[in-house]
Amino acid sequence: MSNQISDAVPLETLDTEKHVAKHKEMINHLIEDTLSLSSLNDISEQFESLKDSLKEVSEINEARVLYFKSEIALGTYQIDNDKIASKMLHVEPA
């Protein structure tokens, strides 16, 4: 079942793939530099920078939250009680 999200609600697009690729590149550079003991200070600074930038990444999927808020506000959100109960009891639906 798919529902359209109202165009009245602006969505902020999250470029997570680009963000993750950037961090993977940073990690790869860190791994390459581990062989050089003279660059331990640089590695430490890069790890701190990486750690700080990861703190900025939201653990909440804002687009999904906005979708459900709009569905509830429009009165079109459907709750499947049987599905919820089945998952709570870990029983496969018949």
PDB file of N, CA and C in Angstrom:
ATOM      1  N   MET A   1       0.840  -1.163   0.000  1.00  0.00           N
ATOM      2  CA  MET A   1       0.000   0.000   0.000  1.00  0.00           C
ATOM      3  C   MET A   1       0.891   1.234   0.000  1.00  0.00           C
ATOM      4  N   SER A   2       0.663   2.124  -0.964  1.00  0.00           N
ATOM      5  CA  SER A   2       1.479   3.334  -0.989  1.00  0.00           C
ATOM      6  C   SER A   2       0.577   4.548  -1.022  1.00  0.00           C
ATOM      7  N   ASN A   3       0.958   5.546  -0.297  1.00  0.00           N
ATOM      8  CA  ASN A   3       0.213   6.797  -0.232  1.00  0.00           C
ATOM      9  C   ASN A   3       1.133   7.935  -0.619  1.00  0.00           C
ATOM     10  N   GLN A   4       0.580   8.920  -1.273  1.00  0.00           N
ATOM     11  CA  GLN A   4       1.351  10.099  -1.641  1.00  0.00           C
ATOM     12  C   GLN A   4       1.438  11.038  -0.456  1.00  0.00           C
ATOM     13  N   ILE A   5       2.577  11.640  -0.297  1.00  0.00           N
ATOM     14  CA  ILE A   5       2.763  12.625   0.761  1.00  0.00           C
ATOM     15  C   ILE A   5       2.287  13.962   0.222  1.00  0.00           C
ATOM     16  N   SER A   6       1.581  14.694   1.025  1.00  0.00           N
ATOM     17  CA  SER A   6       1.066  15.995   0.628  1.00  0.00           C
ATOM     18  C   SER A   6       2.213  16.915   0.243  1.00  0.00           C
ATOM     19  N   ASP A   7       2.052  17.647  -0.881  1.00  0.00           N
ATOM     20  CA  ASP A   7       3.085  18.583  -1.326  1.00  0.00           C
ATOM     21  C   ASP A   7       3.183  19.794  -0.423  1.00  0.00           C
ATOM     22  N   ALA A   8       2.210  19.979   0.464  1.00  0.00           N
ATOM     23  CA  ALA A   8       2.224  21.127   1.361  1.00  0.00           C
ATOM     24  C   ALA A   8       3.323  21.004   2.411  1.00  0.00           C
ATOM     25  N   VAL A   9       3.818  19.797   2.627  1.00  0.00           N
ATOM     26  CA  VAL A   9       4.850  19.573   3.643  1.00  0.00           C
ATOM     27  C   VAL A   9       6.209  19.536   2.950  1.00  0.00           C
ATOM     28  N   PRO A  10       7.072  20.536   3.181  1.00  0.00           N
ATOM     29  CA  PRO A  10       8.389  20.517   2.533  1.00  0.00           C
ATOM     30  C   PRO A  10       9.280  19.449   3.160  1.00  0.00           C
ATOM     31  N   LEU A  11       9.991  18.725   2.316  1.00  0.00           N
ATOM     32  CA  LEU A  11      10.875  17.669   2.795  1.00  0.00           C
ATOM     33  C   LEU A  11      12.321  18.093   2.588  1.00  0.00           C
ATOM     34  N   GLU A  12      13.131  17.858   3.579  1.00  0.00           N
ATOM     35  CA  GLU A  12      14.560  18.118   3.468  1.00  0.00           C
ATOM     36  C   GLU A  12      15.209  16.818   3.034  1.00  0.00           C
ATOM     37  N   THR A  13      15.836  16.840   1.869  1.00  0.00           N
ATOM     38  CA  THR A  13      16.470  15.621   1.385  1.00  0.00           C
ATOM     39  C   THR A  13      17.801  15.431   2.088  1.00  0.00           C
ATOM     40  N   LEU A  14      18.047  14.207   2.474  1.00  0.00           N
ATOM     41  CA  LEU A  14      19.283  13.868   3.161  1.00  0.00           C
ATOM     42  C   LEU A  14      20.173  13.112   2.188  1.00  0.00           C
ATOM     43  N   ASP A  15      21.358  13.621   1.941  1.00  0.00           N
ATOM     44  CA  ASP A  15      22.275  12.986   1.020  1.00  0.00           C
ATOM     45  C   ASP A  15      23.192  12.058   1.803  1.00  0.00           C
ATOM     46  N   THR A  16      22.594  10.986   2.334  1.00  0.00           N
ATOM     47  CA  THR A  16      23.349  10.084   3.200  1.00  0.00           C
ATOM     48  C   THR A  16      24.406   9.304   2.438  1.00  0.00           C
ATOM     49  N   GLU A  17      24.123   8.949   1.177  1.00  0.00           N
ATOM     50  CA  GLU A  17      25.104   8.185   0.408  1.00  0.00           C
ATOM     51  C   GLU A  17      26.385   8.993   0.213  1.00  0.00           C
ATOM     52  N   LYS A  18      26.235  10.265  -0.097  1.00  0.00           N
ATOM     53  CA  LYS A  18      27.401  11.132  -0.281  1.00  0.00           C
ATOM     54  C   LYS A  18      28.156  11.282   1.040  1.00  0.00           C
ATOM     55  N   HIS A  19      27.396  11.421   2.124  1.00  0.00           N
ATOM     56  CA  HIS A  19      27.991  11.575   3.452  1.00  0.00           C
ATOM     57  C   HIS A  19      28.761  10.313   3.843  1.00  0.00           C
ATOM     58  N   VAL A  20      28.167   9.160   3.609  1.00  0.00           N
ATOM     59  CA  VAL A  20      28.812   7.885   3.942  1.00  0.00           C
ATOM     60  C   VAL A  20      30.048   7.676   3.068  1.00  0.00           C
ATOM     61  N   ALA A  21      29.951   8.011   1.770  1.00  0.00           N
ATOM     62  CA  ALA A  21      31.094   7.853   0.871  1.00  0.00           C
ATOM     63  C   ALA A  21      32.260   8.722   1.325  1.00  0.00           C
ATOM     64  N   LYS A  22      31.948   9.926   1.784  1.00  0.00           N
ATOM     65  CA  LYS A  22      32.989  10.834   2.273  1.00  0.00           C
ATOM     66  C   LYS A  22      33.701  10.217   3.477  1.00  0.00           C
ATOM     67  N   HIS A  23      32.916   9.635   4.388  1.00  0.00           N
ATOM     68  CA  HIS A  23      33.503   9.034   5.583  1.00  0.00           C
ATOM     69  C   HIS A  23      34.290   7.770   5.249  1.00  0.00           C
ATOM     70  N   LYS A  24      33.816   6.993   4.281  1.00  0.00           N
ATOM     71  CA  LYS A  24      34.566   5.804   3.863  1.00  0.00           C
ATOM     72  C   LYS A  24      35.917   6.217   3.283  1.00  0.00           C
ATOM     73  N   GLU A  25      35.906   7.299   2.503  1.00  0.00           N
ATOM     74  CA  GLU A  25      37.151   7.788   1.923  1.00  0.00           C
ATOM     75  C   GLU A  25      38.114   8.221   3.024  1.00  0.00           C
ATOM     76  N   MET A  26      37.589   8.911   4.036  1.00  0.00           N
ATOM     77  CA  MET A  26      38.426   9.338   5.152  1.00  0.00           C
ATOM     78  C   MET A  26      39.007   8.134   5.887  1.00  0.00           C
ATOM     79  N   ILE A  27      38.189   7.107   6.087  1.00  0.00           N
ATOM     80  CA  ILE A  27      38.642   5.901   6.782  1.00  0.00           C
ATOM     81  C   ILE A  27      39.730   5.199   5.970  1.00  0.00           C
ATOM     82  N   ASN A  28      39.529   5.120   4.642  1.00  0.00           N
ATOM     83  CA  ASN A  28      40.541   4.485   3.789  1.00  0.00           C
ATOM     84  C   ASN A  28      41.872   5.226   3.872  1.00  0.00           C
ATOM     85  N   HIS A  29      41.816   6.559   3.900  1.00  0.00           N
ATOM     86  CA  HIS A  29      43.051   7.331   4.046  1.00  0.00           C
ATOM     87  C   HIS A  29      43.702   7.057   5.401  1.00  0.00           C
ATOM     88  N   LEU A  30      42.891   6.914   6.428  1.00  0.00           N
ATOM     89  CA  LEU A  30      43.439   6.627   7.754  1.00  0.00           C
ATOM     90  C   LEU A  30      44.131   5.273   7.783  1.00  0.00           C
ATOM     91  N   ILE A  31      43.538   4.292   7.130  1.00  0.00           N
ATOM     92  CA  ILE A  31      44.122   2.949   7.097  1.00  0.00           C
ATOM     93  C   ILE A  31      45.459   2.970   6.359  1.00  0.00           C
ATOM     94  N   GLU A  32      45.507   3.702   5.240  1.00  0.00           N
ATOM     95  CA  GLU A  32      46.751   3.795   4.474  1.00  0.00           C
ATOM     96  C   GLU A  32      47.853   4.464   5.296  1.00  0.00           C
ATOM     97  N   ASP A  33      47.474   5.428   6.104  1.00  0.00           N
ATOM     98  CA  ASP A  33      48.454   6.185   6.878  1.00  0.00           C
ATOM     99  C   ASP A  33      48.932   5.466   8.139  1.00  0.00           C
ATOM    100  N   THR A  34      48.292   4.382   8.520  1.00  0.00           N
ATOM    101  CA  THR A  34      48.681   3.723   9.767  1.00  0.00           C
ATOM    102  C   THR A  34      50.080   3.134   9.708  1.00  0.00           C
ATOM    103  N   LEU A  35      50.596   2.882   8.507  1.00  0.00           N
ATOM    104  CA  LEU A  35      51.937   2.324   8.376  1.00  0.00           C
ATOM    105  C   LEU A  35      53.014   3.353   8.714  1.00  0.00           C
ATOM    106  N   SER A  36      52.658   4.604   8.650  1.00  0.00           N
ATOM    107  CA  SER A  36      53.621   5.664   8.918  1.00  0.00           C
ATOM    108  C   SER A  36      53.467   6.145  10.355  1.00  0.00           C
ATOM    109  N   LEU A  37      54.435   5.816  11.206  1.00  0.00           N
ATOM    110  CA  LEU A  37      54.363   6.216  12.609  1.00  0.00           C
ATOM    111  C   LEU A  37      54.486   7.722  12.786  1.00  0.00           C
ATOM    112  N   SER A  38      55.114   8.385  11.840  1.00  0.00           N
ATOM    113  CA  SER A  38      55.282   9.831  11.960  1.00  0.00           C
ATOM    114  C   SER A  38      53.965  10.575  11.785  1.00  0.00           C
ATOM    115  N   SER A  39      52.946   9.894  11.274  1.00  0.00           N
ATOM    116  CA  SER A  39      51.671  10.569  11.041  1.00  0.00           C
ATOM    117  C   SER A  39      50.628  10.246  12.116  1.00  0.00           C
ATOM    118  N   LEU A  40      51.061   9.752  13.271  1.00  0.00           N
ATOM    119  CA  LEU A  40      50.106   9.417  14.332  1.00  0.00           C
ATOM    120  C   LEU A  40      49.301  10.633  14.781  1.00  0.00           C
ATOM    121  N   ASN A  41      49.944  11.780  14.858  1.00  0.00           N
ATOM    122  CA  ASN A  41      49.225  12.996  15.218  1.00  0.00           C
ATOM    123  C   ASN A  41      48.141  13.314  14.199  1.00  0.00           C
ATOM    124  N   ASP A  42      48.491  13.197  12.918  1.00  0.00           N
ATOM    125  CA  ASP A  42      47.520  13.457  11.860  1.00  0.00           C
ATOM    126  C   ASP A  42      46.349  12.482  11.941  1.00  0.00           C
ATOM    127  N   ILE A  43      46.660  11.219  12.208  1.00  0.00           N
ATOM    128  CA  ILE A  43      45.612  10.204  12.316  1.00  0.00           C
ATOM    129  C   ILE A  43      44.678  10.534  13.473  1.00  0.00           C
ATOM    130  N   SER A  44      45.247  10.923  14.584  1.00  0.00           N
ATOM    131  CA  SER A  44      44.438  11.282  15.745  1.00  0.00           C
ATOM    132  C   SER A  44      43.513  12.450  15.419  1.00  0.00           C
ATOM    133  N   GLU A  45      44.049  13.454  14.743  1.00  0.00           N
ATOM    134  CA  GLU A  45      43.235  14.613  14.362  1.00  0.00           C
ATOM    135  C   GLU A  45      42.145  14.218  13.378  1.00  0.00           C
ATOM    136  N   GLN A  46      42.470  13.328  12.430  1.00  0.00           N
ATOM    137  CA  GLN A  46      41.480  12.883  11.456  1.00  0.00           C
ATOM    138  C   GLN A  46      40.375  12.077  12.132  1.00  0.00           C
ATOM    139  N   PHE A  47      40.743  11.229  13.088  1.00  0.00           N
ATOM    140  CA  PHE A  47      39.733  10.472  13.822  1.00  0.00           C
ATOM    141  C   PHE A  47      38.812  11.405  14.601  1.00  0.00           C
ATOM    142  N   GLU A  48      39.376  12.416  15.223  1.00  0.00           N
ATOM    143  CA  GLU A  48      38.561  13.386  15.956  1.00  0.00           C
ATOM    144  C   GLU A  48      37.613  14.112  15.013  1.00  0.00           C
ATOM    145  N   SER A  49      38.129  14.492  13.844  1.00  0.00           N
ATOM    146  CA  SER A  49      37.300  15.167  12.846  1.00  0.00           C
ATOM    147  C   SER A  49      36.174  14.253  12.376  1.00  0.00           C
ATOM    148  N   LEU A  50      36.513  12.991  12.126  1.00  0.00           N
ATOM    149  CA  LEU A  50      35.519  12.007  11.705  1.00  0.00           C
ATOM    150  C   LEU A  50      34.472  11.805  12.789  1.00  0.00           C
ATOM    151  N   LYS A  51      34.923  11.688  14.026  1.00  0.00           N
ATOM    152  CA  LYS A  51      34.010  11.497  15.154  1.00  0.00           C
ATOM    153  C   LYS A  51      33.063  12.691  15.287  1.00  0.00           C
ATOM    154  N   ASP A  52      33.601  13.895  15.165  1.00  0.00           N
ATOM    155  CA  ASP A  52      32.772  15.096  15.267  1.00  0.00           C
ATOM    156  C   ASP A  52      31.752  15.173  14.138  1.00  0.00           C
ATOM    157  N   SER A  53      32.163  14.804  12.919  1.00  0.00           N
ATOM    158  CA  SER A  53      31.226  14.877  11.800  1.00  0.00           C
ATOM    159  C   SER A  53      30.142  13.809  11.909  1.00  0.00           C
ATOM    160  N   LEU A  54      30.462  12.661  12.507  1.00  0.00           N
ATOM    161  CA  LEU A  54      29.447  11.622  12.685  1.00  0.00           C
ATOM    162  C   LEU A  54      28.414  12.022  13.729  1.00  0.00           C
ATOM    163  N   LYS A  55      28.793  12.890  14.653  1.00  0.00           N
ATOM    164  CA  LYS A  55      27.837  13.376  15.643  1.00  0.00           C
ATOM    165  C   LYS A  55      26.748  14.213  14.989  1.00  0.00           C
ATOM    166  N   GLU A  56      27.069  14.812  13.834  1.00  0.00           N
ATOM    167  CA  GLU A  56      26.122  15.660  13.125  1.00  0.00           C
ATOM    168  C   GLU A  56      25.075  14.859  12.358  1.00  0.00           C
ATOM    169  N   VAL A  57      25.333  13.582  12.119  1.00  0.00           N
ATOM    170  CA  VAL A  57      24.409  12.750  11.352  1.00  0.00           C
ATOM    171  C   VAL A  57      23.215  12.403  12.224  1.00  0.00           C
ATOM    172  N   SER A  58      22.041  12.657  11.703  1.00  0.00           N
ATOM    173  CA  SER A  58      20.818  12.397  12.450  1.00  0.00           C
ATOM    174  C   SER A  58      20.494  10.910  12.444  1.00  0.00           C
ATOM    175  N   GLU A  59      20.099  10.399  13.594  1.00  0.00           N
ATOM    176  CA  GLU A  59      19.672   9.004  13.681  1.00  0.00           C
ATOM    177  C   GLU A  59      18.189   8.876  13.349  1.00  0.00           C
ATOM    178  N   ILE A  60      17.525  10.003  13.166  1.00  0.00           N
ATOM    179  CA  ILE A  60      16.095  10.018  12.877  1.00  0.00           C
ATOM    180  C   ILE A  60      15.900  10.273  11.391  1.00  0.00           C
ATOM    181  N   ASN A  61      15.105   9.450  10.750  1.00  0.00           N
ATOM    182  CA  ASN A  61      14.789   9.627   9.339  1.00  0.00           C
ATOM    183  C   ASN A  61      13.685  10.675   9.244  1.00  0.00           C
ATOM    184  N   GLU A  62      14.090  11.923   9.031  1.00  0.00           N
ATOM    185  CA  GLU A  62      13.153  13.047   9.032  1.00  0.00           C
ATOM    186  C   GLU A  62      12.068  12.887   7.972  1.00  0.00           C
ATOM    187  N   ALA A  63      12.417  12.374   6.803  1.00  0.00           N
ATOM    188  CA  ALA A  63      11.435  12.200   5.733  1.00  0.00           C
ATOM    189  C   ALA A  63      10.352  11.211   6.159  1.00  0.00           C
ATOM    190  N   ARG A  64      10.755  10.147   6.831  1.00  0.00           N
ATOM    191  CA  ARG A  64       9.776   9.146   7.281  1.00  0.00           C
ATOM    192  C   ARG A  64       8.859   9.718   8.360  1.00  0.00           C
ATOM    193  N   VAL A  65       9.437  10.502   9.281  1.00  0.00           N
ATOM    194  CA  VAL A  65       8.643  11.137  10.332  1.00  0.00           C
ATOM    195  C   VAL A  65       7.616  12.076   9.715  1.00  0.00           C
ATOM    196  N   LEU A  66       8.051  12.896   8.745  1.00  0.00           N
ATOM    197  CA  LEU A  66       7.126  13.817   8.080  1.00  0.00           C
ATOM    198  C   LEU A  66       6.026  13.065   7.337  1.00  0.00           C
ATOM    199  N   TYR A  67       6.390  11.935   6.718  1.00  0.00           N
ATOM    200  CA  TYR A  67       5.400  11.127   6.011  1.00  0.00           C
ATOM    201  C   TYR A  67       4.298  10.665   6.964  1.00  0.00           C
ATOM    202  N   PHE A  68       4.691  10.084   8.090  1.00  0.00           N
ATOM    203  CA  PHE A  68       3.695   9.583   9.032  1.00  0.00           C
ATOM    204  C   PHE A  68       2.900  10.713   9.668  1.00  0.00           C
ATOM    205  N   LYS A  69       3.535  11.838   9.947  1.00  0.00           N
ATOM    206  CA  LYS A  69       2.807  12.987  10.488  1.00  0.00           C
ATOM    207  C   LYS A  69       1.737  13.450   9.511  1.00  0.00           C
ATOM    208  N   SER A  70       2.087  13.516   8.224  1.00  0.00           N
ATOM    209  CA  SER A  70       1.109  13.965   7.234  1.00  0.00           C
ATOM    210  C   SER A  70      -0.013  12.945   7.066  1.00  0.00           C
ATOM    211  N   GLU A  71       0.319  11.661   7.088  1.00  0.00           N
ATOM    212  CA  GLU A  71      -0.708  10.616   6.985  1.00  0.00           C
ATOM    213  C   GLU A  71      -1.695  10.710   8.147  1.00  0.00           C
ATOM    214  N   ILE A  72      -1.172  10.909   9.345  1.00  0.00           N
ATOM    215  CA  ILE A  72      -2.031  11.020  10.528  1.00  0.00           C
ATOM    216  C   ILE A  72      -2.871  12.282  10.443  1.00  0.00           C
ATOM    217  N   ALA A  73      -2.249  13.407  10.043  1.00  0.00           N
ATOM    218  CA  ALA A  73      -2.971  14.679   9.946  1.00  0.00           C
ATOM    219  C   ALA A  73      -4.079  14.618   8.906  1.00  0.00           C
ATOM    220  N   LEU A  74      -3.840  13.910   7.796  1.00  0.00           N
ATOM    221  CA  LEU A  74      -4.847  13.789   6.744  1.00  0.00           C
ATOM    222  C   LEU A  74      -5.899  12.733   7.068  1.00  0.00           C
ATOM    223  N   GLY A  75      -5.646  11.935   8.090  1.00  0.00           N
ATOM    224  CA  GLY A  75      -6.588  10.883   8.470  1.00  0.00           C
ATOM    225  C   GLY A  75      -6.530   9.674   7.562  1.00  0.00           C
ATOM    226  N   THR A  76      -5.443   9.510   6.825  1.00  0.00           N
ATOM    227  CA  THR A  76      -5.326   8.392   5.888  1.00  0.00           C
ATOM    228  C   THR A  76      -4.411   7.279   6.388  1.00  0.00           C
ATOM    229  N   TYR A  77      -3.832   7.447   7.570  1.00  0.00           N
ATOM    230  CA  TYR A  77      -2.938   6.416   8.106  1.00  0.00           C
ATOM    231  C   TYR A  77      -3.771   5.231   8.577  1.00  0.00           C
ATOM    232  N   GLN A  78      -3.448   4.061   8.055  1.00  0.00           N
ATOM    233  CA  GLN A  78      -4.179   2.838   8.379  1.00  0.00           C
ATOM    234  C   GLN A  78      -3.346   1.992   9.347  1.00  0.00           C
ATOM    235  N   ILE A  79      -3.958   1.574  10.416  1.00  0.00           N
ATOM    236  CA  ILE A  79      -3.286   0.726  11.398  1.00  0.00           C
ATOM    237  C   ILE A  79      -3.773  -0.702  11.207  1.00  0.00           C
ATOM    238  N   ASP A  80      -2.848  -1.622  11.030  1.00  0.00           N
ATOM    239  CA  ASP A  80      -3.172  -3.036  10.868  1.00  0.00           C
ATOM    240  C   ASP A  80      -2.939  -3.718  12.214  1.00  0.00           C
ATOM    241  N   ASN A  81      -4.008  -3.810  13.003  1.00  0.00           N
ATOM    242  CA  ASN A  81      -3.904  -4.373  14.353  1.00  0.00           C
ATOM    243  C   ASN A  81      -3.417  -5.817  14.355  1.00  0.00           C
ATOM    244  N   ASP A  82      -3.874  -6.605  13.384  1.00  0.00           N
ATOM    245  CA  ASP A  82      -3.452  -8.006  13.311  1.00  0.00           C
ATOM    246  C   ASP A  82      -1.946  -8.120  13.054  1.00  0.00           C
ATOM    247  N   LYS A  83      -1.438  -7.269  12.179  1.00  0.00           N
ATOM    248  CA  LYS A  83      -0.009  -7.286  11.870  1.00  0.00           C
ATOM    249  C   LYS A  83       0.809  -6.902  13.105  1.00  0.00           C
ATOM    250  N   ILE A  84       0.345  -5.897  13.828  1.00  0.00           N
ATOM    251  CA  ILE A  84       1.035  -5.465  15.047  1.00  0.00           C
ATOM    252  C   ILE A  84       1.028  -6.586  16.081  1.00  0.00           C
ATOM    253  N   ALA A  85      -0.132  -7.203  16.283  1.00  0.00           N
ATOM    254  CA  ALA A  85      -0.246  -8.281  17.266  1.00  0.00           C
ATOM    255  C   ALA A  85       0.636  -9.468  16.879  1.00  0.00           C
ATOM    256  N   SER A  86       0.661  -9.811  15.590  1.00  0.00           N
ATOM    257  CA  SER A  86       1.488 -10.927  15.127  1.00  0.00           C
ATOM    258  C   SER A  86       2.961 -10.673  15.397  1.00  0.00           C
ATOM    259  N   LYS A  87       3.406  -9.450  15.110  1.00  0.00           N
ATOM    260  CA  LYS A  87       4.817  -9.133  15.339  1.00  0.00           C
ATOM    261  C   LYS A  87       5.141  -9.091  16.824  1.00  0.00           C
ATOM    262  N   MET A  88       4.184  -8.669  17.639  1.00  0.00           N
ATOM    263  CA  MET A  88       4.411  -8.648  19.087  1.00  0.00           C
ATOM    264  C   MET A  88       4.567 -10.062  19.627  1.00  0.00           C
ATOM    265  N   LEU A  89       3.834 -10.989  19.045  1.00  0.00           N
ATOM    266  CA  LEU A  89       3.871 -12.377  19.495  1.00  0.00           C
ATOM    267  C   LEU A  89       4.835 -13.227  18.672  1.00  0.00           C
ATOM    268  N   HIS A  90       5.475 -12.629  17.664  1.00  0.00           N
ATOM    269  CA  HIS A  90       6.390 -13.329  16.763  1.00  0.00           C
ATOM    270  C   HIS A  90       5.705 -14.516  16.095  1.00  0.00           C
ATOM    271  N   VAL A  91       4.464 -14.336  15.705  1.00  0.00           N
ATOM    272  CA  VAL A  91       3.703 -15.377  15.031  1.00  0.00           C
ATOM    273  C   VAL A  91       3.560 -14.968  13.572  1.00  0.00           C
ATOM    274  N   GLU A  92       3.828 -15.906  12.661  1.00  0.00           N
ATOM    275  CA  GLU A  92       3.669 -15.631  11.243  1.00  0.00           C
ATOM    276  C   GLU A  92       2.185 -15.570  10.902  1.00  0.00           C
ATOM    277  N   PRO A  93       1.760 -14.570  10.093  1.00  0.00           N
ATOM    278  CA  PRO A  93       0.343 -14.492   9.711  1.00  0.00           C
ATOM    279  C   PRO A  93      -0.051 -15.680   8.841  1.00  0.00           C
ATOM    280  N   ALA A  94      -1.285 -16.137   9.004  1.00  0.00           N
ATOM    281  CA  ALA A  94      -1.767 -17.308   8.269  1.00  0.00           C
ATOM    282  C   ALA A  94      -2.147 -16.975   6.856  1.00  0.00           C
TER     283      ALA A  94
END
